[in-house]
Amino acid sequence: MESKEERIRKRAYALWEEDGSMEGCDDEYWRKARELVEEELLREQNEGAV
């Protein structure tokens, strides 16, 4: 199972690639990826609790 940080790293990289690989925006991609992954983890946790 992937760690949270690994999921964020992969998502940030994917977002960066989708956006044309713009330089100098890594903090923004990391922030957005962290938000998305945290939402996914919360959703997964809630689905498992049902």
N, C-alpha and C. Protein backbone atom coordinates (compact mmCIF):
# COMPACT_ATOMS: atom_id res chain seq x y z
N MET A 1 0.84 -1.18 0.00
CA MET A 1 0.00 0.00 0.00
C MET A 1 0.89 1.25 0.00
N GLU A 2 0.50 2.21 -0.81
CA GLU A 2 1.26 3.46 -0.92
C GLU A 2 1.07 4.32 0.32
N SER A 3 2.12 5.02 0.68
CA SER A 3 2.00 5.98 1.77
C SER A 3 1.27 7.22 1.24
N LYS A 4 0.76 7.99 2.17
CA LYS A 4 0.07 9.23 1.80
C LYS A 4 1.00 10.14 1.01
N GLU A 5 2.24 10.26 1.46
CA GLU A 5 3.19 11.13 0.78
C GLU A 5 3.48 10.66 -0.64
N GLU A 6 3.57 9.36 -0.83
CA GLU A 6 3.81 8.81 -2.17
C GLU A 6 2.63 9.11 -3.10
N ARG A 7 1.41 8.98 -2.58
CA ARG A 7 0.23 9.30 -3.37
C ARG A 7 0.22 10.77 -3.76
N ILE A 8 0.58 11.62 -2.81
CA ILE A 8 0.62 13.06 -3.08
C ILE A 8 1.68 13.35 -4.15
N ARG A 9 2.84 12.73 -4.02
CA ARG A 9 3.93 12.96 -4.98
C ARG A 9 3.49 12.57 -6.39
N LYS A 10 2.88 11.40 -6.51
CA LYS A 10 2.43 10.94 -7.83
C LYS A 10 1.34 11.85 -8.40
N ARG A 11 0.41 12.27 -7.55
CA ARG A 11 -0.67 13.14 -8.01
C ARG A 11 -0.11 14.50 -8.43
N ALA A 12 0.81 15.06 -7.64
CA ALA A 12 1.41 16.35 -7.98
C ALA A 12 2.13 16.27 -9.33
N TYR A 13 2.84 15.18 -9.55
CA TYR A 13 3.55 15.01 -10.82
C TYR A 13 2.56 14.91 -11.98
N ALA A 14 1.49 14.16 -11.78
CA ALA A 14 0.48 14.03 -12.84
C ALA A 14 -0.17 15.38 -13.15
N LEU A 15 -0.49 16.14 -12.11
CA LEU A 15 -1.07 17.47 -12.32
C LEU A 15 -0.11 18.37 -13.08
N TRP A 16 1.16 18.31 -12.70
CA TRP A 16 2.20 19.11 -13.33
C TRP A 16 2.31 18.76 -14.82
N GLU A 17 2.32 17.46 -15.13
CA GLU A 17 2.40 17.03 -16.52
C GLU A 17 1.17 17.47 -17.31
N GLU A 18 -0.01 17.30 -16.71
CA GLU A 18 -1.26 17.68 -17.39
C GLU A 18 -1.28 19.17 -17.71
N ASP A 19 -0.61 19.95 -16.89
CA ASP A 19 -0.60 21.40 -17.03
C ASP A 19 0.53 21.90 -17.93
N GLY A 20 1.22 20.99 -18.58
CA GLY A 20 2.27 21.39 -19.51
C GLY A 20 3.66 21.47 -18.89
N SER A 21 3.84 20.88 -17.74
CA SER A 21 5.16 20.82 -17.08
C SER A 21 5.76 22.19 -16.84
N MET A 22 4.96 23.10 -16.33
CA MET A 22 5.43 24.47 -16.07
C MET A 22 6.42 24.48 -14.90
N GLU A 23 7.51 25.17 -15.07
CA GLU A 23 8.53 25.28 -14.03
C GLU A 23 8.14 26.34 -13.01
N GLY A 24 8.58 26.14 -11.77
CA GLY A 24 8.40 27.15 -10.75
C GLY A 24 7.06 27.12 -10.03
N CYS A 25 6.24 26.11 -10.27
CA CYS A 25 4.92 26.04 -9.66
C CYS A 25 4.77 24.81 -8.76
N ASP A 26 5.88 24.22 -8.35
CA ASP A 26 5.81 22.96 -7.63
C ASP A 26 5.04 23.05 -6.32
N ASP A 27 5.12 24.15 -5.60
CA ASP A 27 4.37 24.29 -4.35
C ASP A 27 2.87 24.25 -4.60
N GLU A 28 2.44 24.87 -5.66
CA GLU A 28 1.00 24.89 -5.99
C GLU A 28 0.51 23.49 -6.36
N TYR A 29 1.30 22.75 -7.15
CA TYR A 29 0.90 21.39 -7.52
C TYR A 29 0.89 20.48 -6.30
N TRP A 30 1.85 20.66 -5.41
CA TRP A 30 1.91 19.84 -4.19
C TRP A 30 0.69 20.14 -3.31
N ARG A 31 0.33 21.42 -3.17
CA ARG A 31 -0.82 21.81 -2.35
C ARG A 31 -2.11 21.20 -2.90
N LYS A 32 -2.29 21.32 -4.21
CA LYS A 32 -3.50 20.79 -4.84
C LYS A 32 -3.54 19.26 -4.73
N ALA A 33 -2.42 18.63 -4.96
CA ALA A 33 -2.35 17.17 -4.86
C ALA A 33 -2.65 16.72 -3.43
N ARG A 34 -2.12 17.42 -2.45
CA ARG A 34 -2.37 17.07 -1.05
C ARG A 34 -3.87 17.17 -0.74
N GLU A 35 -4.51 18.23 -1.21
CA GLU A 35 -5.96 18.39 -1.00
C GLU A 35 -6.72 17.22 -1.61
N LEU A 36 -6.39 16.88 -2.85
CA LEU A 36 -7.10 15.80 -3.54
C LEU A 36 -6.90 14.46 -2.86
N VAL A 37 -5.67 14.17 -2.47
CA VAL A 37 -5.37 12.89 -1.83
C VAL A 37 -6.04 12.81 -0.46
N GLU A 38 -6.02 13.90 0.30
CA GLU A 38 -6.68 13.88 1.61
C GLU A 38 -8.18 13.66 1.46
N GLU A 39 -8.79 14.24 0.43
CA GLU A 39 -10.21 14.01 0.17
C GLU A 39 -10.45 12.54 -0.18
N GLU A 40 -9.57 11.97 -1.01
CA GLU A 40 -9.70 10.56 -1.38
C GLU A 40 -9.58 9.66 -0.16
N LEU A 41 -8.60 9.94 0.68
CA LEU A 41 -8.38 9.11 1.87
C LEU A 41 -9.57 9.18 2.81
N LEU A 42 -10.13 10.35 2.97
CA LEU A 42 -11.31 10.53 3.82
C LEU A 42 -12.49 9.76 3.24
N ARG A 43 -12.67 9.84 1.95
CA ARG A 43 -13.75 9.13 1.27
C ARG A 43 -13.55 7.61 1.43
N GLU A 44 -12.32 7.14 1.26
CA GLU A 44 -12.03 5.71 1.42
C GLU A 44 -12.30 5.27 2.85
N GLN A 45 -11.92 6.11 3.81
CA GLN A 45 -12.12 5.77 5.21
C GLN A 45 -13.61 5.70 5.52
N ASN A 46 -14.38 6.63 4.99
CA ASN A 46 -15.83 6.65 5.23
C ASN A 46 -16.51 5.45 4.58
N GLU A 47 -16.06 5.07 3.39
CA GLU A 47 -16.63 3.91 2.72
C GLU A 47 -16.36 2.62 3.50
N GLY A 48 -15.19 2.56 4.11
CA GLY A 48 -14.84 1.38 4.90
C GLY A 48 -15.59 1.31 6.21
N ALA A 49 -16.08 2.44 6.70
CA ALA A 49 -16.79 2.48 7.98
C ALA A 49 -18.27 2.16 7.82
N VAL A 50 -18.75 2.12 6.59
CA VAL A 50 -20.19 1.89 6.36
C VAL A 50 -20.52 0.44 6.43
